[in-house]
C-alpha cells in the first residue's frame, strides 16, 4: 500500500502488521536500476541503489567535484507529474535542511534535472536502523535504551524549535551510525510527511497537502490525535517517542492490531500495559516517564521533545545512567567553562565540573524523584557520582559520513 519493499522472506509489515502481497516483495531477479550510473546535474553520479520507498529511491552516490560519497534521494519518476508528491518531496528536503543538529540527517543540496528528475542530497550514513536492532536484540537494557532515546529526542527537540513536527517517528526512521572511537551516534531520518510552520505568512503546507480528517503516518507509532486525523502539535511527536522507548524497553509496542483501524482504536481508547509487567527490572521512574509520554490527552504529555528529553535525562542522572547516555557532545564553550587552557593550548577539563554543568543545562528546574527500587533496577548498580577527576582533552574534529537509505513507509 505504501510502496515500501521488503526481502522475499518478509510476510508482514514490521511497522503495522499488514500482510504483504507477493508484488510488494523484492524479487531475486529484479531488473537493474536504469538510474545507476546516471550523473545528475554534472555533479552526482548514482553508484548503487540503497533502498526503495513509495516516494523515491535512495542511492549511494559520488559528488564528482569533490570526490565525496553522498546519499541521493530521487523522486519516483512516476510521481514527477504529481504536484502534491513533488511538493511533499520538496518539503522533506526543506524540513531536514532547516536542521543543523548532530542527531538529524544533513541535507546538503536539492535539484531538478532538465529531463525532470527531482532529487536531494544527504550525508551518507553507515550503520544500522534501530528497527533492525530491535528485531534481533530487544528488549534493550535501560541504560542503552535511555542513551539512544536521549539522542533521538535531542534531534526532535531541534526540529520542534525550528517549527517542524516530524509526524512519522518510528524505529525505521532512526539510524545508528557506528564510529570506531565513540558510541553509536543516532540520526533521525525521513521528514517526508513533516509539518512545517508557515514562513512569511504563507499558508501552512500541512493545510495544503494534508487536511483535517486525514490519517497519515505509521499506525503502530501514531498518537491518538494523529489516528483521528486531528490537528497535531509537538506533543504528538512526544507520544511517538514514548511508543519507541516502550518498544526498546519491553520488546513490543504498546498496542498491536491486524489493521490500521484496529490500531487506531487502541491508541485512542486503551491504556498501555505497564512496562514493568512485561520486564520487571525496568526502573519505576523510567516507566513513569514513558507512560507520561503516552497520555491520551496531548495536553497531559510533555509539551514537546525538549521537555520530554529533560524529564528523561533527569531520571537517568538520578539513576546513575548519565555516563551511558551520551546523547550529544559538549560544546567547546562548555568544555572551556569546565577547565583551564595551558600555554601549549591543551585544555585540562575538570570532569566533575563538566558533569554538573551539563546536568544543570539539560535538566533545568526538573526534579524527578527516584526510589531505592529505581536504583536497584539499573542492572544492580547503585547511583553514584563520578569521582572528582581531571582529564586532558586536546581539540580535534571528526566527521561522520554515513550511509543509509531513508525510504518511505
Protein backbone atom coordinates (compact mmCIF):
# COMPACT_ATOMS: atom_id res chain seq x y z
CA UNK A 1 0.00 0.00 0.00
CA UNK A 2 2.79 2.45 0.85
CA UNK A 3 5.19 1.30 -1.86
CA UNK A 4 7.89 0.13 0.52
CA UNK A 5 9.70 -3.07 -0.47
CA UNK A 6 10.97 -5.96 1.63
CA UNK A 7 13.04 -9.11 1.21
CA UNK A 8 11.17 -12.09 -0.16
CA UNK A 9 11.00 -13.87 3.22
CA UNK A 10 9.13 -10.97 4.90
CA UNK A 11 5.39 -11.67 5.01
CA UNK A 12 4.02 -8.84 7.19
CA UNK A 13 4.90 -5.17 7.57
CA UNK A 14 7.21 -4.80 10.59
CA UNK A 15 5.59 -1.46 11.48
CA UNK A 16 1.85 -2.21 11.48
CA UNK A 17 1.48 -5.95 10.84
CA UNK A 18 -0.23 -5.55 7.47
CA UNK A 19 0.12 -8.76 5.39
CA UNK A 20 2.33 -8.21 2.36
CA UNK A 21 1.23 -9.29 -1.09
CA UNK A 22 3.61 -11.01 -3.47
CA UNK A 23 4.02 -7.96 -5.67
CA UNK A 24 5.30 -5.90 -2.71
CA UNK A 25 8.32 -8.13 -2.11
CA UNK A 26 11.66 -7.77 -3.82
CA UNK A 27 12.19 -10.36 -6.49
CA UNK A 28 15.58 -12.05 -6.56
CA UNK A 29 15.84 -11.38 -10.28
CA UNK A 30 14.77 -7.74 -10.14
CA UNK A 31 15.82 -5.82 -13.26
CA UNK A 32 18.79 -3.48 -12.97
CA UNK A 33 18.01 0.08 -11.92
CA UNK A 34 18.20 2.30 -15.02
CA UNK A 35 19.39 5.27 -12.96
CA UNK A 36 22.52 3.55 -11.64
CA UNK A 37 25.42 5.20 -13.44
CA UNK A 38 23.46 8.35 -14.28
CA UNK A 39 25.07 11.70 -13.40
CA UNK A 40 22.69 14.35 -12.06
CA UNK A 41 23.44 17.98 -12.96
CA UNK A 42 27.05 17.09 -13.82
CA UNK A 43 27.75 16.62 -10.10
CA UNK A 44 26.25 13.49 -8.56
CA UNK A 45 26.92 10.04 -10.03
CA UNK A 46 24.44 7.40 -8.82
CA UNK A 47 26.59 4.36 -8.00
CA UNK A 48 24.22 1.87 -6.37
CA UNK A 49 20.67 1.64 -5.09
CA UNK A 50 20.38 1.60 -1.32
CA UNK A 51 16.63 1.44 -0.81
CA UNK A 52 13.24 1.96 -2.39
CA UNK A 53 10.15 3.60 -0.93
CA UNK A 54 6.78 4.81 -2.06
CA UNK A 55 8.02 8.35 -2.74
CA UNK A 56 11.50 7.70 -4.04
CA UNK A 57 14.71 5.72 -4.24
CA UNK A 58 17.90 6.37 -2.30
CA UNK A 59 21.25 5.82 -3.98
CA UNK A 60 24.83 5.60 -2.87
CA UNK A 61 26.37 8.34 -4.98
CA UNK A 62 29.56 10.30 -5.51
CA UNK A 63 29.91 14.08 -5.60
CA UNK A 64 32.22 14.23 -8.61
CA UNK A 65 33.60 17.71 -7.97
CA UNK A 66 34.94 16.94 -4.50
CA UNK A 67 35.03 13.12 -4.78
CA UNK A 68 32.91 12.64 -1.67
CA UNK A 69 30.43 9.80 -1.15
CA UNK A 70 26.88 11.01 -0.53
CA UNK A 71 23.34 9.68 -0.48
CA UNK A 72 20.92 10.94 -3.12
CA UNK A 73 17.16 10.50 -2.89
CA UNK A 74 15.38 10.67 -6.25
CA UNK A 75 11.64 11.19 -6.52
CA UNK A 76 9.92 8.24 -8.17
CA UNK A 77 9.72 9.21 -11.88
CA UNK A 78 6.08 8.07 -11.90
CA UNK A 79 5.30 10.90 -9.45
CA UNK A 80 7.04 13.73 -11.30
CA UNK A 81 3.74 14.89 -12.79
CA UNK A 82 2.04 14.76 -9.36
CA UNK A 83 2.41 18.28 -7.92
CA UNK A 84 1.35 17.14 -4.45
CA UNK A 85 4.02 14.44 -4.43
CA UNK A 86 6.64 16.88 -5.71
CA UNK A 87 5.75 19.44 -3.05
CA UNK A 88 5.90 16.78 -0.33
CA UNK A 89 9.31 15.73 -1.62
CA UNK A 90 10.49 19.34 -1.56
CA UNK A 91 9.11 19.66 1.94
CA UNK A 92 11.12 16.68 3.14
CA UNK A 93 14.29 18.31 1.84
CA UNK A 94 13.29 21.69 3.26
CA UNK A 95 12.45 20.27 6.70
CA UNK A 96 15.70 18.33 7.01
CA UNK A 97 17.61 21.25 5.56
CA UNK A 98 16.34 23.53 8.35
CA UNK A 99 18.05 21.37 10.94
CA UNK A 100 21.72 21.59 11.77
CA UNK A 101 21.99 19.04 14.53
CA UNK A 102 24.32 16.15 15.26
CA UNK A 103 21.39 13.75 15.55
CA UNK A 104 19.48 14.77 12.40
CA UNK A 105 20.46 13.63 8.92
CA UNK A 106 22.03 16.51 7.00
CA UNK A 107 20.57 17.56 3.63
CA UNK A 108 23.09 19.48 1.55
CA UNK A 109 21.53 20.06 -1.88
CA UNK A 110 18.33 19.91 -3.90
CA UNK A 111 17.84 19.90 -7.64
CA UNK A 112 15.73 19.09 -10.68
CA UNK A 113 17.39 17.92 -13.87
CA UNK A 114 16.36 19.13 -17.35
CA UNK A 115 14.76 15.74 -18.01
CA UNK A 116 12.58 16.02 -14.90
CA UNK A 117 14.40 14.03 -12.20
CA UNK A 118 13.85 15.64 -8.80
CA UNK A 119 16.36 14.83 -6.08
CA UNK A 120 18.03 15.93 -2.88
CA UNK A 121 21.43 15.08 -1.42
CA UNK A 122 22.13 13.83 2.11
CA UNK A 123 25.09 12.76 4.17
CA UNK A 124 25.89 9.09 3.69
CA UNK A 125 25.26 7.01 6.81
CA UNK A 126 26.99 3.76 7.65
CA UNK A 127 25.37 1.74 10.39
CA UNK A 128 22.06 0.09 11.24
CA UNK A 129 18.47 1.25 11.57
CA UNK A 130 17.01 0.92 15.05
CA UNK A 131 14.32 -1.30 13.52
CA UNK A 132 16.92 -3.98 12.75
CA UNK A 133 18.49 -3.73 16.20
CA UNK A 134 15.11 -4.18 17.89
CA UNK A 135 14.32 -7.14 15.63
CA UNK A 136 17.38 -9.02 16.88
CA UNK A 137 18.34 -7.59 20.28
CA UNK A 138 15.23 -6.32 22.08
CA UNK A 139 14.39 -5.71 24.79
CA UNK A 140 17.31 -3.38 25.40
CA UNK A 141 18.61 -2.75 28.89
CA UNK A 142 17.52 0.52 30.44
CA UNK A 143 20.89 2.26 30.10
CA UNK A 144 21.16 1.52 26.39
CA UNK A 145 17.54 2.41 25.65
CA UNK A 146 17.81 5.70 27.51
CA UNK A 147 21.10 6.54 25.80
CA UNK A 148 19.58 6.07 22.36
CA UNK A 149 16.33 7.84 23.19
CA UNK A 150 18.10 10.91 24.56
CA UNK A 151 19.79 11.30 21.19
CA UNK A 152 16.55 10.80 19.28
CA UNK A 153 14.77 13.30 21.49
CA UNK A 154 17.57 15.83 21.03
CA UNK A 155 17.07 15.74 17.25
CA UNK A 156 13.30 16.03 17.56
CA UNK A 157 13.76 18.86 20.05
CA UNK A 158 15.80 20.73 17.43
CA UNK A 159 13.04 20.07 14.90
CA UNK A 160 10.38 21.43 17.24
CA UNK A 161 12.47 24.53 17.90
CA UNK A 162 12.66 25.01 14.12
CA UNK A 163 8.87 24.77 13.81
CA UNK A 164 8.86 21.20 12.45
CA UNK A 165 6.65 18.32 13.59
CA UNK A 166 8.05 15.04 12.24
CA UNK A 167 4.77 13.02 12.30
CA UNK A 168 6.39 9.69 11.35
CA UNK A 169 8.81 8.83 14.14
CA UNK A 170 9.46 5.09 14.27
CA UNK A 171 12.44 2.71 14.53
CA UNK A 172 12.72 2.55 10.74
CA UNK A 173 13.42 6.29 10.68
CA UNK A 174 16.09 6.18 13.38
CA UNK A 175 19.58 5.21 12.24
CA UNK A 176 22.57 4.30 14.39
CA UNK A 177 25.92 5.34 12.97
CA UNK A 178 28.85 3.36 14.31
CA UNK A 179 32.08 5.27 14.89
CA UNK A 180 35.28 3.42 15.74
CA UNK A 181 36.19 5.74 18.62
CA UNK A 182 32.76 6.58 20.05
CA UNK A 183 29.38 5.09 20.95
CA UNK A 184 26.61 4.97 18.39
CA UNK A 185 25.56 8.33 17.02
CA UNK A 186 21.83 8.43 16.37
CA UNK A 187 20.41 10.09 13.26
CA UNK A 188 16.71 10.86 12.79
CA UNK A 189 15.64 10.47 9.16
CA UNK A 190 12.76 10.90 6.75
CA UNK A 191 10.89 14.16 7.13
CA UNK A 192 8.69 13.24 4.16
CA UNK A 193 5.41 13.93 5.95
CA UNK A 194 6.73 16.52 8.38
CA UNK A 195 4.59 19.53 9.18
CA UNK A 196 6.44 22.82 8.81
CA UNK A 197 5.40 26.04 10.46
CA UNK A 198 4.44 28.65 7.83
CA UNK A 199 7.10 31.15 6.83
CA UNK A 200 6.45 34.73 5.81
CA UNK A 201 2.72 34.41 6.33
CA UNK A 202 2.33 31.66 3.72
CA UNK A 203 -0.37 29.06 4.11
CA UNK A 204 0.90 26.06 6.05
CA UNK A 205 1.97 23.16 3.90
CA UNK A 206 0.07 20.98 6.32
CA UNK A 207 -3.12 22.70 5.24
CA UNK A 208 -2.39 22.34 1.54
CA UNK A 209 -1.06 18.78 1.47
CA UNK A 210 -2.98 17.04 4.24
CA UNK A 211 -6.32 18.09 5.58
CA UNK A 212 -8.17 17.58 8.83
CA UNK A 213 -9.62 14.09 8.99
CA UNK A 214 -6.75 12.52 7.06
CA UNK A 215 -4.78 9.83 8.92
CA UNK A 216 -1.15 9.91 7.82
CA UNK A 217 1.82 8.19 9.44
CA UNK A 218 2.64 4.69 10.71
CA UNK A 219 -0.27 3.40 12.84
CA UNK A 220 1.80 1.44 15.35
CA UNK A 221 3.59 4.65 16.42
CA UNK A 222 0.88 7.28 15.93
CA UNK A 223 -0.68 9.42 18.65
CA UNK A 224 -4.43 9.24 19.32
CA UNK A 225 -4.96 12.65 17.72
CA UNK A 226 -2.97 11.60 14.68
CA UNK A 227 -5.10 8.46 14.37
CA UNK A 228 -8.18 10.71 14.46
CA UNK A 229 -6.81 12.98 11.73
CA UNK A 230 -6.87 15.94 14.13
CA UNK A 231 -4.51 18.91 14.27
CA UNK A 232 -1.08 17.90 15.55
CA UNK A 233 1.31 19.60 17.95
CA UNK A 234 4.85 18.78 19.12
CA UNK A 235 3.22 16.65 21.83
CA UNK A 236 2.12 14.30 19.04
CA UNK A 237 5.76 13.52 18.31
CA UNK A 238 6.31 13.03 22.05
CA UNK A 239 3.71 10.24 22.01
CA UNK A 240 5.62 8.53 19.19
CA UNK A 241 8.84 8.86 21.19
CA UNK A 242 7.06 7.19 24.09
CA UNK A 243 5.98 4.30 21.88
CA UNK A 244 9.54 3.82 20.62
CA UNK A 245 11.02 3.91 24.13
CA UNK A 246 8.33 1.47 25.30
CA UNK A 247 9.35 -0.89 22.50
CA UNK A 248 13.06 -0.57 23.24
CA UNK A 249 12.50 -1.40 26.92
CA UNK A 250 9.94 -4.21 26.54
CA UNK A 251 10.50 -5.66 23.07
CA UNK A 252 6.95 -4.84 21.98
CA UNK A 253 4.88 -1.80 21.12
CA UNK A 254 2.06 -0.75 23.49
CA UNK A 255 -0.58 -1.85 21.01
CA UNK A 256 -0.83 -4.28 18.12
CA UNK A 257 -3.59 -4.97 15.66
CA UNK A 258 -4.35 -6.69 12.39
CA UNK A 259 -5.38 -3.48 10.64
CA UNK A 260 -4.52 0.22 10.87
CA UNK A 261 -8.07 0.89 12.09
CA UNK A 262 -7.80 -1.57 14.97
CA UNK A 263 -4.50 0.01 15.99
CA UNK A 264 -6.00 3.49 15.81
CA UNK A 265 -8.87 2.46 18.08
CA UNK A 266 -6.46 1.07 20.67
CA UNK A 267 -4.31 4.20 20.64
CA UNK A 268 -7.44 6.27 21.22
CA UNK A 269 -9.21 4.18 23.85
CA UNK A 270 -6.98 1.58 25.54
CA UNK A 271 -4.38 2.06 28.25
CA UNK A 272 -0.94 0.61 27.57
CA UNK A 273 0.15 -2.32 29.67
CA UNK A 274 2.57 -1.17 32.41
CA UNK A 275 6.12 -1.78 31.27
CA UNK A 276 7.18 -3.48 34.49
CA UNK A 277 4.53 -6.16 33.99
CA UNK A 278 6.50 -7.17 30.89
CA UNK A 279 10.06 -6.52 32.13
CA UNK A 280 10.09 -6.22 35.94
CA UNK A 281 13.67 -4.87 36.04
CA UNK A 282 12.71 -1.61 34.32
CA UNK A 283 13.18 1.20 36.87
CA UNK A 284 9.80 2.58 38.01
CA UNK A 285 10.89 6.16 37.34
CA UNK A 286 11.68 5.34 33.71
CA UNK A 287 8.33 3.58 33.38
CA UNK A 288 6.69 6.77 34.65
CA UNK A 289 8.45 8.87 32.01
CA UNK A 290 7.25 6.53 29.25
CA UNK A 291 3.66 6.44 30.48
CA UNK A 292 3.67 10.24 30.82
CA UNK A 293 4.58 10.47 27.13
CA UNK A 294 1.77 8.03 26.29
CA UNK A 295 -1.05 10.04 27.86
CA UNK A 296 -4.10 10.10 25.58
CA UNK A 297 -4.63 13.83 26.01
CA UNK A 298 -1.74 15.73 24.38
CA UNK A 299 -2.07 18.48 26.99
CA UNK A 300 -1.16 15.94 29.68
CA UNK A 301 2.09 14.87 27.98
CA UNK A 302 5.38 16.76 27.89
CA UNK A 303 4.58 19.67 25.59
CA UNK A 304 7.48 18.99 23.21
CA UNK A 305 10.54 16.81 22.73
CA UNK A 306 12.72 19.18 24.76
CA UNK A 307 10.56 18.78 27.85
CA UNK A 308 10.45 15.02 27.32
CA UNK A 309 14.23 14.83 26.93
CA UNK A 310 14.86 16.86 30.08
CA UNK A 311 12.47 14.68 32.05
CA UNK A 312 14.17 11.50 30.83
CA UNK A 313 17.65 12.91 31.42
CA UNK A 314 16.76 13.94 34.97
CA UNK A 315 15.73 10.37 35.76
CA UNK A 316 18.78 8.92 34.02
CA UNK A 317 21.10 11.14 36.01
CA UNK A 318 19.49 10.19 39.32
CA UNK A 319 19.77 6.51 38.42
CA UNK A 320 23.44 6.83 37.53
CA UNK A 321 22.80 6.25 33.82
CA UNK A 322 24.21 9.56 32.60
CA UNK A 323 27.55 8.05 31.53
CA UNK A 324 25.72 5.69 29.18
CA UNK A 325 23.51 8.46 27.89
CA UNK A 326 25.99 10.22 25.65
CA UNK A 327 23.32 11.88 23.58
CA UNK A 328 25.41 14.86 22.50
CA UNK A 329 28.94 16.09 22.67
CA UNK A 330 29.65 19.10 24.88
CA UNK A 331 30.27 22.33 23.05
CA UNK A 332 33.71 23.92 23.11
CA UNK A 333 32.24 26.70 25.27
CA UNK A 334 31.06 24.12 27.80
CA UNK A 335 34.46 22.45 27.81
CA UNK A 336 36.27 25.75 28.33
CA UNK A 337 33.94 26.69 31.17
CA UNK A 338 34.76 23.37 32.84
CA UNK A 339 38.52 23.60 32.54
CA UNK A 340 41.62 25.67 32.02
CA UNK A 341 43.80 26.07 28.95
CA UNK A 342 47.57 25.61 29.26
CA UNK A 343 50.10 27.82 27.42
CA UNK A 344 50.62 24.98 24.93
CA UNK A 345 46.94 25.06 24.00
CA UNK A 346 45.93 21.88 25.84
CA UNK A 347 42.59 22.07 27.63
CA UNK A 348 42.50 20.47 31.08
CA UNK A 349 38.94 19.50 31.95
CA UNK A 350 37.56 19.10 35.45
CA UNK A 351 35.21 16.16 34.83
CA UNK A 352 33.08 16.82 37.92
CA UNK A 353 32.58 20.46 36.91
CA UNK A 354 31.71 19.39 33.35
CA UNK A 355 29.19 16.85 34.64
CA UNK A 356 27.49 19.44 36.86
CA UNK A 357 27.38 21.96 34.02
CA UNK A 358 25.81 19.54 31.53
CA UNK A 359 23.34 18.21 34.09
CA UNK A 360 22.24 21.73 35.02
CA UNK A 361 21.75 22.80 31.41
CA UNK A 362 19.90 19.61 30.49
CA UNK A 363 17.59 19.26 33.47
CA UNK A 364 16.82 22.88 34.23
CA UNK A 365 14.50 23.00 37.23
CA UNK A 366 13.18 19.49 36.84
CA UNK A 367 13.16 17.38 39.95
CA UNK A 368 12.09 13.85 39.14
CA UNK A 369 12.00 11.65 42.22
CA UNK A 370 13.52 8.20 42.18
CA UNK A 371 13.33 5.40 44.69
CA UNK A 372 15.64 2.73 46.03
CA UNK A 373 13.83 0.32 43.73
CA UNK A 374 14.73 2.51 40.75
CA UNK A 375 18.40 2.31 41.66
CA UNK A 376 18.28 -1.47 42.16
CA UNK A 377 16.61 -1.84 38.76
CA UNK A 378 19.52 -0.32 36.85
CA UNK A 379 21.49 -3.51 36.40
CA UNK A 380 22.03 -3.69 40.14
CA UNK A 381 24.29 -0.64 40.15
CA UNK A 382 23.97 1.96 42.88
CA UNK A 383 23.65 5.53 41.76
CA UNK A 384 26.98 7.17 42.42
CA UNK A 385 28.54 10.43 41.42
CA UNK A 386 31.70 10.07 39.36
CA UNK A 387 34.96 10.76 41.19
CA UNK A 388 36.32 14.26 41.13
CA UNK A 389 38.95 13.92 38.42
CA UNK A 390 40.56 15.81 35.63
CA UNK A 391 41.18 14.65 32.10
CA UNK A 392 43.40 16.03 29.35
CA UNK A 393 41.41 16.70 26.19
CA UNK A 394 43.01 18.04 23.06
CA UNK A 395 40.93 19.82 20.45
CA UNK A 396 40.10 17.65 17.46
CA UNK A 397 37.44 17.43 14.82
CA UNK A 398 35.80 14.42 13.26
CA UNK A 399 33.26 13.92 10.55
CA UNK A 400 30.88 11.06 10.03
CA UNK A 401 29.94 10.06 6.53
CA UNK A 402 27.18 7.71 6.86
CA UNK A 403 25.14 5.70 4.59
CA UNK A 404 21.57 4.71 4.84
CA UNK A 405 18.55 4.84 2.64
CA UNK A 406 15.76 6.84 4.18
CA UNK A 407 12.84 5.21 2.41
CA UNK A 408 9.15 5.88 2.79
CA UNK A 409 6.86 3.60 4.67
